[in-house]
Amino acid sequence: MNPLFSDDTRRNPHPLYEQMRRTSPVLHVPPPFDIWLVFDYEGVKRVVSDVETFSSAVPAPREWFIFWDPPRHTKRRALIAKAFTPRMIVNLEPRIRLLSRQFLDAHVGSGEMDLVNDYAVPLPMNVIAGMIGIPTEDWATFKRWSDTILRISFTMPGLQPDDENARAMDGFYAVTAEMRSYLAVLSEQRRREPRDDLLT
């Protein structure tokens, strides 16, 4: 396993980042990865701003607009940005406070909690699901979809065996089909009964 992608580095990448900034701020990782990594601020700034020279396109599902280049990416991002105006964010605060208290209160009796699994993961998941308009009773399904989709972030060649990569991609395509069917039903409901959510 390349140390750049080890579990230890995933848990705490900062010592490696610091070392790379000093010794090799631009690094080519040879096959099977075959990627370029940029570690210094000025280098990253140039890469993300010079869209004529550098592309965001990587082998990824076509729905993942984060890997699109302008102007296609810019149009989609502008649509989503409307959901994150300062007014919209301020309006989320009461809901976030309520959810935070619920997640913490659920563990007061035991006196301990897993901060990531019991708080840091479900809090944004529930906030985002609520913003989209996913009904509360379907949040567990939304979480399962999210977990399955995130597994494909480990499918870079060389990170894990090919059969695990294939299973991750099969899972991604399966939940994508589920999501399309589910969202088609919800979208039709919103056409009939609009609400104050992103889906509407």
Foldseek 3Di string as FASTA:
>chain_A
DPPCQDPVCVVPVVVVLVVCVVPPQWDADDPPQGDIHGRDDVVVVCQVPVCVVHALADPDPPVPLSRHGPPVSVVVVVLVCVCVDPVNVVVCVVVLVVVQCVLVVVCVVVVDDDCVVSPVPVSVLVSQCVQQPPDPVCSVVSVVLVVLQVQCVQLRPPSDDPVSNVVSVVSNVVVVVVVVVVLVVVLVVCVVPPDNHSSD
